Amino acid sequence: MYQYDDYDRALVRERVAQFRDQVQRRLADELSEEEFLPLRLQNGLYLQKHAYMLRVAIPYGTLSAKQMRALAHIAREYDRGYGHFTTRQNIQFNWVELERVPDILDWLAEHDMHAIQTSGNCVRNITTEAFAGVAADEYLDPRPLAEILRQWSTVNPEFLFLPRKFKIALCAAEQDRAAIQVHDIGLQLYRDAANELRLRVLVGGGLGRTPIIAQPLREGLHWQDCLSYVEAILRVYNRHGRRDNKYKARIKILVKALGIEAFAAEVEREWQPIKDGPARLTEDEYRRVAASFHKPAYVPQDALDLDFGSHLARDEAFARWVSRNVMAHQVPGYLSVVLSTKPGISAPPGDVSAEQMEALADWSERYGFGEIRVAHEQNLVLPDVRKADLYALWREAQAAGLGTANAGLLTDIIACPGGDFCSLANAKSIPIAQAIQQRFDDLDYLHDLGELSLNISGCMNACGHHHIGNIGILGVDKNGSEWYQLTLGGSQGRQAALGKVIGPSFAAEQVPEVIERIVRTYVDYREVNEGFLDTFQRIGLEPFKACVYSREEVV
C-alpha cells in the first residue's frame, strides 16, 4: 500500500493545526456556526441529530493493520466503541465531541491518515474495488493511478469549491466491482493491443434525487493523459455547473442539459491547451507511486491441500462460507476473503466494534501481509489469505461476529445510518434492515435464492445506493410519518441499471412481508439456475406488483 512521504505528512499536520485553531475559535464563539460550517466540512466533520460525526478517509479502501488499530483506538477512546464503514470506503464515527476532534485528527496524522475532503463541494475519496491488485480477472492494478488522482485532487485550490461534491471511481477488471457507472467520473483501465495502459472515460453518473447511469465520454485515453483530461472535465463543470440550485448542481445535470456530444466538445476544447502541460504524467512519477504497490512475498503453496478438502467435506457451514465469502486470487494457493459486517439483528450493516477492528488487524498479519480492504458493500476484505489458513480464519471470524456466510445474498444489505443518526434522513434504515435480516435468517434458504442485492437509503441522497439494488428501499416522509418506497431491477457492474418503482409506499411494519412476497414471486417464476435479476428482466414488474399489492393484507 502507499507509504506517506515528508510532503504528505507535512500537509496533513498543517491541516490539523489549522483546524485546531478553527475549533478553538468556534468554541470561544469567535466563529459563528455559519462561518464554521465550510471549515468543518472541509475536515470531514458533520453536525448530525445527536452529535458531531467525523468521516475519516480511507483512500481506495486500503488500510494497514496499524491503521486499523488506530481506528479501533478512536472508536474506544473518542466514540462509543464502534465505527461505521460506508459505501465510499470510508469510516464514520457518530458520537464525537467537537473539542476532541483536533486530537482525533492528530492521532490520525500519526498513523498516516486524515479526514480531508471527506465532505464539502470538492473531489471526494477516490475509490476502486476491494480486490484491486489480487483479483483473478484483473487486467492491472488500478491503485497506483487512484493514488496519483488522490494526490492531485487533495487540497487542489482550483477544485475545492465546486458547484457540488464530486466522486471518481476506477476499475481494471473484467467485472466492475467499483460501480463506476454511478460516479461523476468512471475510469475503466485496460491494456490495448500494444500492451499500453489505456482508459475508457465515463461521465455524468450518480444516484441521489436524479439517478443517472454515466455515459461514455472518451475511449482509448492514454494513461499519461489521465490527470489533464480529468482536469479538463472538472474545469468545464466548475465553469458551467449550476450554483443556484444544489439539487441541480451535480455534473450529471450539466451533461444531461448540454448533451454528451456538446459536453465532450467542450471538454476537448478545454483539454487541448493543457494536455501536454505539467499535468501530463511521466513514467518516473507512475513508477514512484507504483513502487508502493509491489506484490507481497508470496510463499509457493502445494497444489493439493488435503486438509482444506477435508474441512470442506466435514463441515457444511465452512463449505457454505467458502462458497459465498471467498474470492479467487491471482496467486495459486491464496484466496481473498470477505468478512461480513451483516450478522443480522446483532449489529447494523457496516458497524464494526473496536474489538472487531483489532481482531481484523491481528488476522491480517497472521493470515496475510498486514493489509485490510473496505468494500463499497460495507464489508471488509483480507486480500491475501493462504488456502491452508482459511479454516482457522473462519473459526475466529465466526467467534468475532464477522463470519456470516452471506456475501452477495439477500441479508448482505447495504444501508446508510438513516434517521437514527442523519439529520437529512426522512426515515430510519437500520431497523428496516434488521427486520428483513431477522425474517430471512435461514442461511440454507438464502443460499438457495442465490445472488440478490438489497439496498436501503433513508432519503433521496441515496447513500445506501438503493437505486442499484436488485431490491431497493427508499425512506420517504408522508405527513410526518416514515414510509418506504420500493424499486426492483437495479444492478451495478458492467450492466448497471436503475430500479423501477413498484408502486405506492409501505409503512415500516409492512416492509418485511413485502420483501417476502417479492422473493416468493421470484421463486414461483424463476427457471432452473436463473438469478433474481434474470427473472425480473424476463417477466417484468407486473407479476411482482400483483403479488405485493394483492387483496391479502400486508402486515
Protein backbone atom coordinates (compact mmCIF):
# COMPACT_ATOMS: atom_id res chain seq x y z
CA MET A 1 0.00 0.00 0.00
CA TYR A 2 1.04 3.62 -0.46
CA GLN A 3 3.59 4.96 2.03
CA TYR A 4 3.38 8.62 3.07
CA ASP A 5 6.44 10.76 2.37
CA ASP A 6 7.52 14.00 4.08
CA TYR A 7 5.26 16.09 1.82
CA ASP A 8 2.18 14.05 2.73
CA ARG A 9 2.91 14.25 6.44
CA ALA A 10 3.64 17.99 6.36
CA LEU A 11 0.38 18.72 4.53
CA VAL A 12 -1.73 16.66 6.95
CA ARG A 13 -0.02 18.13 10.03
CA GLU A 14 -0.58 21.67 8.79
CA ARG A 15 -4.27 20.96 8.24
CA VAL A 16 -4.61 19.55 11.77
CA ALA A 17 -3.00 22.64 13.29
CA GLN A 18 -5.19 24.90 11.17
CA PHE A 19 -8.38 23.12 12.20
CA ARG A 20 -7.39 23.05 15.87
CA ASP A 21 -7.27 26.84 15.76
CA GLN A 22 -10.63 26.99 13.98
CA VAL A 23 -12.26 24.72 16.58
CA GLN A 24 -10.89 26.82 19.42
CA ARG A 25 -12.33 29.94 17.82
CA ARG A 26 -15.71 28.24 17.35
CA LEU A 27 -15.78 27.11 20.99
CA ALA A 28 -14.95 30.68 22.05
CA ASP A 29 -17.80 32.00 19.84
CA GLU A 30 -15.32 33.89 17.71
CA LEU A 31 -16.76 31.97 14.74
CA SER A 32 -20.48 31.55 14.19
CA GLU A 33 -21.85 28.15 13.17
CA GLU A 34 -22.44 29.57 9.70
CA GLU A 35 -18.80 30.64 9.43
CA PHE A 36 -17.59 27.35 10.90
CA LEU A 37 -19.70 25.17 8.60
CA PRO A 38 -17.46 25.20 5.48
CA LEU A 39 -14.34 24.86 7.65
CA ARG A 40 -15.56 21.74 9.44
CA LEU A 41 -16.92 20.18 6.26
CA GLN A 42 -13.50 20.50 4.64
CA ASN A 43 -12.25 18.33 7.50
CA GLY A 44 -14.99 15.71 7.33
CA LEU A 45 -16.97 16.92 10.33
CA TYR A 46 -20.79 16.87 10.20
CA LEU A 47 -23.33 18.01 12.77
CA GLN A 48 -25.98 15.30 12.91
CA LYS A 49 -29.05 14.63 15.05
CA HIS A 50 -27.34 13.80 18.33
CA ALA A 51 -23.68 14.72 17.98
CA TYR A 52 -20.90 15.56 15.57
CA MET A 53 -19.92 12.84 13.10
CA LEU A 54 -16.35 12.57 11.80
CA ARG A 55 -15.76 10.84 8.45
CA VAL A 56 -12.22 9.50 8.05
CA ALA A 57 -10.76 8.99 4.58
CA ILE A 58 -9.64 5.51 3.55
CA PRO A 59 -8.21 6.11 0.06
CA TYR A 60 -9.43 3.40 -2.37
CA GLY A 61 -10.43 1.39 0.70
CA THR A 62 -6.94 0.23 1.72
CA LEU A 63 -5.77 0.04 5.36
CA SER A 64 -2.72 -1.37 7.11
CA ALA A 65 -3.03 -3.38 10.31
CA LYS A 66 -1.50 -0.44 12.18
CA GLN A 67 -4.11 1.93 10.77
CA MET A 68 -6.98 -0.41 11.65
CA ARG A 69 -5.73 -0.50 15.24
CA ALA A 70 -5.59 3.31 15.16
CA LEU A 71 -9.27 3.36 14.15
CA ALA A 72 -10.07 0.94 16.97
CA HIS A 73 -8.43 3.35 19.41
CA ILE A 74 -10.60 6.22 18.14
CA ALA A 75 -13.74 4.09 18.48
CA ARG A 76 -12.89 3.18 22.07
CA GLU A 77 -11.40 6.48 23.26
CA TYR A 78 -13.45 9.11 21.42
CA ASP A 79 -16.68 7.38 20.37
CA ARG A 80 -18.98 4.66 21.72
CA GLY A 81 -16.83 1.68 20.87
CA TYR A 82 -17.55 1.25 17.16
CA GLY A 83 -17.26 2.82 13.72
CA HIS A 84 -19.44 2.65 10.61
CA PHE A 85 -17.89 1.71 7.25
CA THR A 86 -19.57 3.44 4.31
CA THR A 87 -20.27 2.87 0.63
CA ARG A 88 -17.48 5.37 -0.12
CA GLN A 89 -14.97 3.00 1.56
CA ASN A 90 -14.56 5.45 4.45
CA ILE A 91 -15.35 5.10 8.16
CA GLN A 92 -17.63 7.35 10.23
CA PHE A 93 -17.58 7.95 13.97
CA ASN A 94 -21.03 9.11 15.01
CA TRP A 95 -20.58 10.36 18.58
CA VAL A 96 -17.50 12.61 18.67
CA GLU A 97 -17.24 15.78 20.77
CA LEU A 98 -16.21 18.96 18.97
CA GLU A 99 -13.45 19.91 21.41
CA ARG A 100 -11.80 16.49 20.95
CA VAL A 101 -11.87 16.38 17.14
CA PRO A 102 -8.42 18.04 16.73
CA ASP A 103 -6.95 15.34 18.96
CA ILE A 104 -8.56 12.66 16.79
CA LEU A 105 -7.12 14.29 13.66
CA ASP A 106 -3.73 14.48 15.34
CA TRP A 107 -3.92 10.77 16.14
CA LEU A 108 -4.87 10.03 12.55
CA ALA A 109 -1.92 12.06 11.30
CA GLU A 110 0.41 9.97 13.46
CA HIS A 111 -0.82 6.93 11.53
CA ASP A 112 -0.71 8.50 8.05
CA MET A 113 -4.45 9.12 7.88
CA HIS A 114 -6.74 12.13 7.67
CA ALA A 115 -10.31 13.36 7.11
CA ILE A 116 -9.53 15.91 4.40
CA GLN A 117 -12.16 16.24 1.64
CA THR A 118 -14.48 13.59 3.02
CA SER A 119 -17.17 16.25 2.79
CA GLY A 120 -17.82 19.55 1.04
CA ASN A 121 -18.09 20.53 -2.62
CA CYS A 122 -14.79 19.05 -3.67
CA VAL A 123 -13.30 15.84 -5.10
CA ARG A 124 -14.14 13.16 -2.54
CA ASN A 125 -12.37 9.89 -1.72
CA ILE A 126 -11.06 8.17 -4.86
CA THR A 127 -12.49 4.65 -4.89
CA THR A 128 -11.82 1.35 -6.59
CA GLU A 129 -12.70 -2.27 -5.89
CA ALA A 130 -11.72 -4.05 -2.67
CA PHE A 131 -9.88 -6.79 -4.61
CA ALA A 132 -7.60 -4.42 -6.54
CA GLY A 133 -4.17 -5.94 -7.13
CA VAL A 134 -5.25 -9.51 -6.35
CA ALA A 135 -8.44 -10.25 -8.34
CA ALA A 136 -8.06 -13.17 -10.74
CA ASP A 137 -9.91 -11.28 -13.52
CA GLU A 138 -7.87 -8.08 -13.20
CA TYR A 139 -6.06 -6.57 -16.18
CA LEU A 140 -3.76 -4.49 -13.98
CA ASP A 141 -3.69 -2.93 -10.53
CA PRO A 142 -5.73 0.34 -10.58
CA ARG A 143 -4.40 1.60 -7.22
CA PRO A 144 -1.29 3.47 -8.49
CA LEU A 145 -3.46 5.64 -10.73
CA ALA A 146 -6.03 6.02 -7.93
CA GLU A 147 -3.26 7.21 -5.63
CA ILE A 148 -1.99 9.67 -8.23
CA LEU A 149 -5.51 11.07 -8.57
CA ARG A 150 -5.77 11.30 -4.78
CA GLN A 151 -2.54 13.29 -4.51
CA TRP A 152 -3.50 15.57 -7.38
CA SER A 153 -7.00 16.30 -6.04
CA THR A 154 -6.10 16.75 -2.36
CA VAL A 155 -6.23 20.46 -1.47
CA ASN A 156 -6.09 21.35 -5.16
CA PRO A 157 -7.16 25.02 -4.87
CA GLU A 158 -8.89 25.09 -8.27
CA PHE A 159 -11.36 22.38 -7.26
CA LEU A 160 -12.05 22.95 -3.57
CA PHE A 161 -15.24 24.92 -4.22
CA LEU A 162 -17.04 23.07 -6.99
CA PRO A 163 -20.77 23.51 -7.61
CA ARG A 164 -21.31 20.23 -5.73
CA LYS A 165 -19.47 17.18 -4.41
CA PHE A 166 -17.54 15.14 -6.96
CA LYS A 167 -16.81 11.40 -6.99
CA ILE A 168 -14.32 9.42 -9.09
CA ALA A 169 -14.05 5.61 -9.26
CA LEU A 170 -11.69 3.28 -11.14
CA CYS A 171 -12.00 -0.32 -12.26
CA ALA A 172 -9.44 -2.53 -14.03
CA ALA A 173 -11.02 -5.99 -14.18
CA GLU A 174 -13.47 -7.96 -16.31
CA GLN A 175 -16.15 -7.35 -13.69
CA ASP A 176 -16.89 -3.85 -12.48
CA ARG A 177 -16.90 -4.19 -8.69
CA ALA A 178 -16.41 -0.44 -8.16
CA ALA A 179 -19.78 0.73 -9.56
CA ILE A 180 -18.02 3.19 -11.87
CA GLN A 181 -21.20 3.85 -13.88
CA VAL A 182 -22.85 5.69 -10.99
CA HIS A 183 -19.99 8.13 -10.38
CA ASP A 184 -19.35 11.63 -11.66
CA ILE A 185 -16.33 10.21 -13.48
CA GLY A 186 -15.79 6.50 -14.00
CA LEU A 187 -12.46 5.23 -15.33
CA GLN A 188 -12.13 1.76 -16.84
CA LEU A 189 -8.45 0.80 -17.13
CA TYR A 190 -7.26 -1.75 -19.68
CA ARG A 191 -4.32 -2.60 -21.94
CA ASP A 192 -4.56 -2.21 -25.70
CA ALA A 193 -3.14 -4.49 -28.40
CA ALA A 194 0.29 -2.89 -27.92
CA ASN A 195 0.09 -3.53 -24.14
CA GLU A 196 -0.25 0.20 -23.46
CA LEU A 197 -2.33 1.27 -20.45
CA ARG A 198 -5.49 3.00 -21.67
CA LEU A 199 -8.63 4.45 -20.08
CA ARG A 200 -12.28 4.39 -21.03
CA VAL A 201 -13.80 7.53 -19.52
CA LEU A 202 -17.43 7.69 -18.37
CA VAL A 203 -19.07 10.87 -17.12
CA GLY A 204 -22.29 12.10 -15.56
CA GLY A 205 -23.31 9.13 -13.45
CA GLY A 206 -24.77 9.40 -10.00
CA LEU A 207 -27.65 8.45 -7.75
CA GLY A 208 -29.47 10.77 -5.35
CA ARG A 209 -32.53 12.80 -6.32
CA THR A 210 -31.89 12.35 -10.06
CA PRO A 211 -30.31 8.91 -10.65
CA ILE A 212 -28.44 8.62 -13.95
CA ILE A 213 -26.15 5.99 -15.45
CA ALA A 214 -22.87 7.50 -16.70
CA GLN A 215 -22.29 7.93 -20.44
CA PRO A 216 -19.11 7.12 -22.40
CA LEU A 217 -17.08 10.27 -22.92
CA ARG A 218 -13.80 9.04 -24.39
CA GLU A 219 -12.30 5.73 -25.45
CA GLY A 220 -8.60 4.84 -25.54
CA LEU A 221 -7.26 7.72 -23.46
CA HIS A 222 -3.53 7.22 -22.83
CA TRP A 223 -2.68 6.78 -19.15
CA GLN A 224 -0.30 9.76 -19.24
CA ASP A 225 -3.28 12.00 -20.08
CA CYS A 226 -5.36 10.91 -17.11
CA LEU A 227 -4.81 13.97 -14.89
CA SER A 228 -5.03 16.57 -17.64
CA TYR A 229 -8.23 15.06 -19.05
CA VAL A 230 -9.88 14.81 -15.63
CA GLU A 231 -8.77 18.39 -15.03
CA ALA A 232 -10.46 19.48 -18.27
CA ILE A 233 -13.70 17.79 -17.20
CA LEU A 234 -13.60 19.46 -13.80
CA ARG A 235 -12.88 22.87 -15.33
CA VAL A 236 -15.88 22.59 -17.63
CA TYR A 237 -18.04 21.52 -14.70
CA ASN A 238 -16.66 24.26 -12.45
CA ARG A 239 -17.41 26.89 -15.06
CA HIS A 240 -20.84 25.72 -16.25
CA GLY A 241 -22.27 23.71 -13.34
CA ARG A 242 -25.25 25.31 -11.61
CA ARG A 243 -24.71 27.03 -8.28
CA ASP A 244 -28.20 28.47 -7.87
CA ASN A 245 -29.86 25.15 -7.00
CA LYS A 246 -27.98 22.42 -5.13
CA TYR A 247 -30.43 19.79 -6.38
CA LYS A 248 -29.37 20.56 -9.96
CA ALA A 249 -25.70 21.21 -9.30
CA ARG A 250 -24.13 17.79 -9.97
CA ILE A 251 -22.24 17.22 -13.21
CA LYS A 252 -24.85 14.68 -14.33
CA ILE A 253 -27.36 17.55 -14.68
CA LEU A 254 -24.91 19.56 -16.76
CA VAL A 255 -24.15 16.60 -19.04
CA LYS A 256 -27.86 15.92 -19.47
CA ALA A 257 -28.61 19.59 -20.20
CA LEU A 258 -25.83 20.00 -22.78
CA GLY A 259 -26.00 16.51 -24.26
CA ILE A 260 -22.99 14.20 -24.27
CA GLU A 261 -21.71 15.36 -27.67
CA ALA A 262 -21.72 19.05 -26.75
CA PHE A 263 -20.20 18.28 -23.35
CA ALA A 264 -17.45 16.18 -24.97
CA ALA A 265 -16.67 19.00 -27.40
CA GLU A 266 -16.40 21.47 -24.52
CA VAL A 267 -14.04 19.14 -22.65
CA GLU A 268 -11.93 18.68 -25.78
CA ARG A 269 -11.57 22.46 -26.20
CA GLU A 270 -10.53 22.76 -22.57
CA TRP A 271 -8.11 19.84 -22.78
CA GLN A 272 -6.17 20.70 -25.94
CA PRO A 273 -4.16 23.62 -24.46
CA ILE A 274 -3.25 21.72 -21.27
CA LYS A 275 -2.78 18.11 -22.35
CA ASP A 276 0.99 18.48 -22.87
CA GLY A 277 1.46 20.71 -19.82
CA PRO A 278 2.56 19.99 -16.23
CA ALA A 279 -0.39 17.67 -15.58
CA ARG A 280 0.85 15.14 -18.14
CA LEU A 281 2.02 12.13 -16.17
CA THR A 282 5.57 10.88 -16.55
CA GLU A 283 6.75 7.29 -16.39
CA ASP A 284 9.03 8.22 -13.47
CA GLU A 285 6.09 9.55 -11.45
CA TYR A 286 3.97 6.50 -12.19
CA ARG A 287 6.84 4.19 -11.18
CA ARG A 288 7.41 6.19 -7.99
CA VAL A 289 3.83 5.69 -6.87
CA ALA A 290 3.51 2.15 -8.23
CA ALA A 291 6.53 1.09 -6.16
CA SER A 292 4.31 1.31 -3.06
CA PHE A 293 2.03 -1.36 -4.51
CA HIS A 294 4.56 -4.10 -5.07
CA LYS A 295 3.43 -7.69 -4.68
CA PRO A 296 3.89 -9.25 -1.23
CA ALA A 297 6.39 -12.04 -0.69
CA TYR A 298 4.01 -14.87 -1.58
CA VAL A 299 5.19 -18.32 -0.50
CA PRO A 300 4.63 -21.10 -3.05
CA GLN A 301 1.81 -23.36 -1.91
CA ASP A 302 1.21 -27.05 -2.52
CA ALA A 303 -1.06 -27.61 -5.49
CA LEU A 304 -3.17 -30.00 -3.43
CA ASP A 305 -4.24 -29.15 0.14
CA LEU A 306 -5.77 -32.29 1.62
CA ASP A 307 -6.64 -30.62 4.93
CA PHE A 308 -8.64 -27.91 3.14
CA GLY A 309 -10.59 -30.51 1.20
CA SER A 310 -11.22 -32.47 4.37
CA HIS A 311 -12.61 -29.40 6.16
CA LEU A 312 -14.91 -28.70 3.20
CA ALA A 313 -16.23 -32.25 3.25
CA ARG A 314 -16.73 -32.48 7.02
CA ASP A 315 -18.03 -29.02 7.88
CA GLU A 316 -21.05 -27.90 5.88
CA ALA A 317 -21.07 -24.43 7.47
CA PHE A 318 -17.44 -23.86 6.44
CA ALA A 319 -18.13 -25.06 2.90
CA ARG A 320 -21.07 -22.67 2.66
CA TRP A 321 -18.91 -19.76 3.83
CA VAL A 322 -16.19 -20.61 1.30
CA SER A 323 -18.76 -20.72 -1.50
CA ARG A 324 -20.02 -17.19 -0.70
CA ASN A 325 -17.25 -15.24 1.01
CA VAL A 326 -14.05 -16.38 -0.71
CA MET A 327 -12.76 -14.90 -3.99
CA ALA A 328 -10.27 -16.30 -6.49
CA HIS A 329 -6.74 -14.89 -6.31
CA GLN A 330 -4.01 -14.26 -8.88
CA VAL A 331 -1.52 -16.43 -6.97
CA PRO A 332 -2.11 -20.19 -6.64
CA GLY A 333 -2.71 -21.28 -3.07
CA TYR A 334 -4.03 -17.85 -1.99
CA LEU A 335 -7.57 -16.50 -1.80
CA SER A 336 -9.30 -13.24 -0.85
CA VAL A 337 -11.81 -13.35 1.99
CA VAL A 338 -14.91 -11.21 2.56
CA LEU A 339 -15.66 -10.70 6.25
CA SER A 340 -19.32 -9.77 6.55
CA THR A 341 -20.39 -6.83 8.71
CA LYS A 342 -24.00 -8.02 8.30
CA PRO A 343 -24.60 -10.61 11.08
CA GLY A 344 -28.28 -9.70 11.36
CA ILE A 345 -30.08 -8.32 14.37
CA SER A 346 -26.92 -8.14 16.50
CA ALA A 347 -25.35 -5.20 14.59
CA PRO A 348 -26.35 -2.62 11.95
CA PRO A 349 -24.87 -3.11 8.47
CA GLY A 350 -21.39 -1.60 8.25
CA ASP A 351 -20.89 -1.22 12.02
CA VAL A 352 -17.68 -2.74 13.40
CA SER A 353 -16.64 -2.64 17.05
CA ALA A 354 -13.21 -1.67 18.35
CA GLU A 355 -12.63 -5.28 19.39
CA GLN A 356 -13.50 -6.50 15.89
CA MET A 357 -11.18 -3.93 14.33
CA GLU A 358 -8.32 -5.18 16.49
CA ALA A 359 -9.14 -8.77 15.57
CA LEU A 360 -9.10 -7.81 11.89
CA ALA A 361 -5.68 -6.22 12.30
CA ASP A 362 -4.39 -9.37 14.00
CA TRP A 363 -5.81 -11.67 11.30
CA SER A 364 -4.36 -9.52 8.51
CA GLU A 365 -0.90 -10.08 9.98
CA ARG A 366 -1.33 -13.72 11.00
CA TYR A 367 -3.02 -14.89 7.81
CA GLY A 368 -1.86 -12.31 5.28
CA PHE A 369 0.54 -9.41 4.80
CA GLY A 370 -0.92 -6.83 7.18
CA GLU A 371 -3.45 -5.28 4.80
CA ILE A 372 -7.25 -4.85 5.02
CA ARG A 373 -9.65 -3.56 2.38
CA VAL A 374 -13.03 -1.85 2.73
CA ALA A 375 -15.61 -2.85 0.11
CA HIS A 376 -18.26 -0.41 -1.07
CA GLU A 377 -20.81 -3.02 0.06
CA GLN A 378 -19.62 -2.09 3.61
CA ASN A 379 -17.86 -5.42 4.18
CA LEU A 380 -14.17 -5.91 4.95
CA VAL A 381 -11.71 -7.94 2.92
CA LEU A 382 -8.47 -9.74 3.71
CA PRO A 383 -6.88 -9.81 0.24
CA ASP A 384 -4.13 -12.43 0.68
CA VAL A 385 -5.07 -15.50 2.74
CA ARG A 386 -3.38 -18.86 2.27
CA LYS A 387 -5.89 -21.58 1.44
CA ALA A 388 -4.36 -23.67 4.22
CA ASP A 389 -5.32 -20.97 6.76
CA LEU A 390 -8.93 -20.50 5.69
CA TYR A 391 -10.46 -22.87 8.21
CA ALA A 392 -8.64 -21.31 11.17
CA LEU A 393 -9.57 -17.81 9.99
CA TRP A 394 -13.22 -18.78 9.54
CA ARG A 395 -13.46 -20.15 13.07
CA GLU A 396 -12.01 -16.94 14.51
CA ALA A 397 -14.23 -14.78 12.32
CA GLN A 398 -17.31 -16.70 13.43
CA ALA A 399 -16.41 -16.21 17.09
CA ALA A 400 -15.91 -12.47 16.49
CA GLY A 401 -19.23 -11.99 14.65
CA LEU A 402 -17.59 -11.45 11.24
CA GLY A 403 -18.05 -14.92 9.77
CA THR A 404 -21.58 -14.79 8.36
CA ALA A 405 -21.75 -16.68 5.04
CA ASN A 406 -23.95 -14.16 3.22
CA ALA A 407 -21.76 -12.13 0.84
CA GLY A 408 -23.94 -11.21 -2.14
CA LEU A 409 -27.10 -12.67 -0.62
CA LEU A 410 -30.34 -11.02 0.47
CA THR A 411 -29.13 -10.27 4.02
CA ASP A 412 -25.87 -8.70 2.82
CA ILE A 413 -27.78 -5.43 2.98
CA ILE A 414 -26.21 -2.09 2.09
CA ALA A 415 -27.71 0.58 4.36
CA CYS A 416 -26.95 4.15 5.34
CA PRO A 417 -27.22 5.14 9.04
CA GLY A 418 -30.62 6.68 8.23
CA GLY A 419 -32.89 8.54 10.60
CA ASP A 420 -31.27 7.10 13.71
CA PHE A 421 -28.33 9.44 13.13
CA CYS A 422 -28.56 11.55 9.97
CA SER A 423 -30.34 14.91 10.11
CA LEU A 424 -31.08 14.69 6.37
CA ALA A 425 -32.89 11.35 6.52
CA ASN A 426 -36.65 11.05 6.07
CA ALA A 427 -36.81 7.63 7.69
CA LYS A 428 -34.80 5.04 9.59
CA SER A 429 -32.72 2.48 7.68
CA ILE A 430 -31.19 0.30 10.39
CA PRO A 431 -34.42 -1.12 11.92
CA ILE A 432 -35.73 -1.97 8.45
CA ALA A 433 -32.50 -3.76 7.53
CA GLN A 434 -32.53 -5.74 10.76
CA ALA A 435 -36.21 -6.67 10.46
CA ILE A 436 -35.53 -8.08 6.98
CA GLN A 437 -32.43 -9.92 8.20
CA GLN A 438 -34.44 -11.42 11.05
CA ARG A 439 -37.18 -12.52 8.63
CA PHE A 440 -34.63 -14.23 6.36
CA ASP A 441 -32.32 -15.83 8.91
CA ASP A 442 -32.27 -19.28 7.28
CA LEU A 443 -28.91 -19.48 5.51
CA ASP A 444 -29.90 -22.61 3.59
CA TYR A 445 -32.85 -20.73 2.09
CA LEU A 446 -30.70 -17.68 1.31
CA HIS A 447 -28.13 -19.81 -0.49
CA ASP A 448 -30.90 -21.44 -2.49
CA LEU A 449 -32.13 -17.99 -3.57
CA GLY A 450 -28.62 -17.09 -4.77
CA GLU A 451 -27.31 -13.63 -5.68
CA LEU A 452 -29.80 -10.98 -4.62
CA SER A 453 -28.83 -7.48 -3.54
CA LEU A 454 -30.98 -5.33 -1.26
CA ASN A 455 -30.02 -1.70 -0.61
CA ILE A 456 -31.65 0.81 1.75
CA SER A 457 -31.41 4.62 1.86
CA GLY A 458 -33.07 6.82 4.45
CA CYS A 459 -33.54 9.69 1.98
CA MET A 460 -33.13 10.74 -1.65
CA ASN A 461 -29.41 11.37 -1.19
CA ALA A 462 -29.07 7.61 -1.77
CA CYS A 463 -26.08 6.94 0.48
CA GLY A 464 -27.33 3.34 0.61
CA HIS A 465 -27.28 3.07 -3.22
CA HIS A 466 -30.90 1.89 -3.26
CA HIS A 467 -31.30 2.67 -6.97
CA ILE A 468 -28.84 -0.09 -7.98
CA GLY A 469 -30.03 -2.78 -5.59
CA ASN A 470 -31.94 -5.68 -7.16
CA ILE A 471 -34.40 -4.65 -4.47
CA GLY A 472 -34.14 -1.01 -3.41
CA ILE A 473 -35.80 0.60 -0.41
CA LEU A 474 -36.10 4.37 -0.02
CA GLY A 475 -37.32 6.07 3.15
CA VAL A 476 -39.89 8.79 2.44
CA ASP A 477 -41.84 11.22 4.59
CA LYS A 478 -45.64 11.17 4.49
CA ASN A 479 -47.14 13.90 6.65
CA GLY A 480 -44.51 13.38 9.32
CA SER A 481 -44.64 9.56 9.19
CA GLU A 482 -41.95 7.20 7.92
CA TRP A 483 -42.85 5.19 4.80
CA TYR A 484 -40.82 3.14 2.35
CA GLN A 485 -40.85 3.12 -1.44
CA LEU A 486 -39.59 0.00 -3.22
CA THR A 487 -37.79 -0.41 -6.53
CA LEU A 488 -36.93 -3.60 -8.41
CA GLY A 489 -34.41 -4.47 -11.12
CA GLY A 490 -31.50 -2.24 -10.18
CA SER A 491 -27.97 -3.57 -10.63
CA GLN A 492 -24.34 -2.50 -10.53
CA GLY A 493 -21.43 -3.69 -12.64
CA ARG A 494 -20.99 -3.72 -16.41
CA GLN A 495 -24.76 -3.98 -16.91
CA ALA A 496 -25.64 -1.26 -14.41
CA ALA A 497 -29.34 -0.39 -14.24
CA LEU A 498 -31.65 1.75 -12.13
CA GLY A 499 -34.50 0.08 -10.31
CA LYS A 500 -38.14 0.73 -11.22
CA VAL A 501 -40.62 1.93 -8.60
CA ILE A 502 -43.06 -0.87 -7.87
CA GLY A 503 -45.93 1.33 -6.67
CA PRO A 504 -47.20 3.15 -3.56
CA SER A 505 -45.00 3.09 -0.46
CA PHE A 506 -45.39 0.95 2.66
CA ALA A 507 -45.35 1.50 6.40
CA ALA A 508 -42.29 0.24 8.27
CA GLU A 509 -44.03 -2.77 9.79
CA GLN A 510 -45.15 -3.92 6.31
CA VAL A 511 -41.74 -3.96 4.67
CA PRO A 512 -40.51 -7.46 5.74
CA GLU A 513 -43.73 -9.06 4.47
CA VAL A 514 -43.46 -7.11 1.21
CA ILE A 515 -39.90 -8.36 0.72
CA GLU A 516 -41.10 -11.89 1.40
CA ARG A 517 -43.79 -11.53 -1.29
CA ILE A 518 -41.22 -10.27 -3.78
CA VAL A 519 -38.97 -13.22 -3.01
CA ARG A 520 -41.91 -15.63 -3.23
CA THR A 521 -42.77 -14.27 -6.68
CA TYR A 522 -39.19 -14.78 -7.82
CA VAL A 523 -39.19 -18.37 -6.54
CA ASP A 524 -42.50 -19.09 -8.27
CA TYR A 525 -41.40 -17.74 -11.66
CA ARG A 526 -37.68 -18.49 -11.84
CA GLU A 527 -36.34 -21.08 -14.25
CA VAL A 528 -33.53 -23.54 -13.49
CA ASN A 529 -30.37 -21.73 -12.31
CA GLU A 530 -31.94 -18.35 -13.03
CA GLY A 531 -30.99 -15.46 -10.77
CA PHE A 532 -33.33 -12.81 -9.43
CA LEU A 533 -32.25 -10.14 -11.92
CA ASP A 534 -32.59 -12.50 -14.89
CA THR A 535 -36.08 -13.49 -13.76
CA PHE A 536 -37.09 -9.85 -13.30
CA GLN A 537 -35.79 -8.90 -16.74
CA ARG A 538 -37.67 -11.82 -18.30
CA ILE A 539 -41.08 -11.40 -16.64
CA GLY A 540 -41.08 -7.67 -15.89
CA LEU A 541 -42.55 -5.71 -12.99
CA GLU A 542 -46.20 -6.73 -13.17
CA PRO A 543 -46.07 -10.21 -11.54
CA PHE A 544 -44.20 -8.75 -8.57
CA LYS A 545 -46.59 -5.83 -8.34
CA ALA A 546 -49.63 -8.15 -8.48
CA CYS A 547 -48.30 -10.23 -5.59
CA VAL A 548 -47.21 -7.29 -3.46
CA TYR A 549 -50.49 -5.39 -3.84
CA SER A 550 -52.82 -8.38 -3.70
CA ARG A 551 -56.01 -8.05 -1.67
CA GLU A 552 -54.47 -10.19 1.04
CA GLU A 553 -53.47 -7.72 3.75
CA VAL A 554 -49.78 -6.85 4.01
CA VAL A 555 -48.71 -6.96 7.67
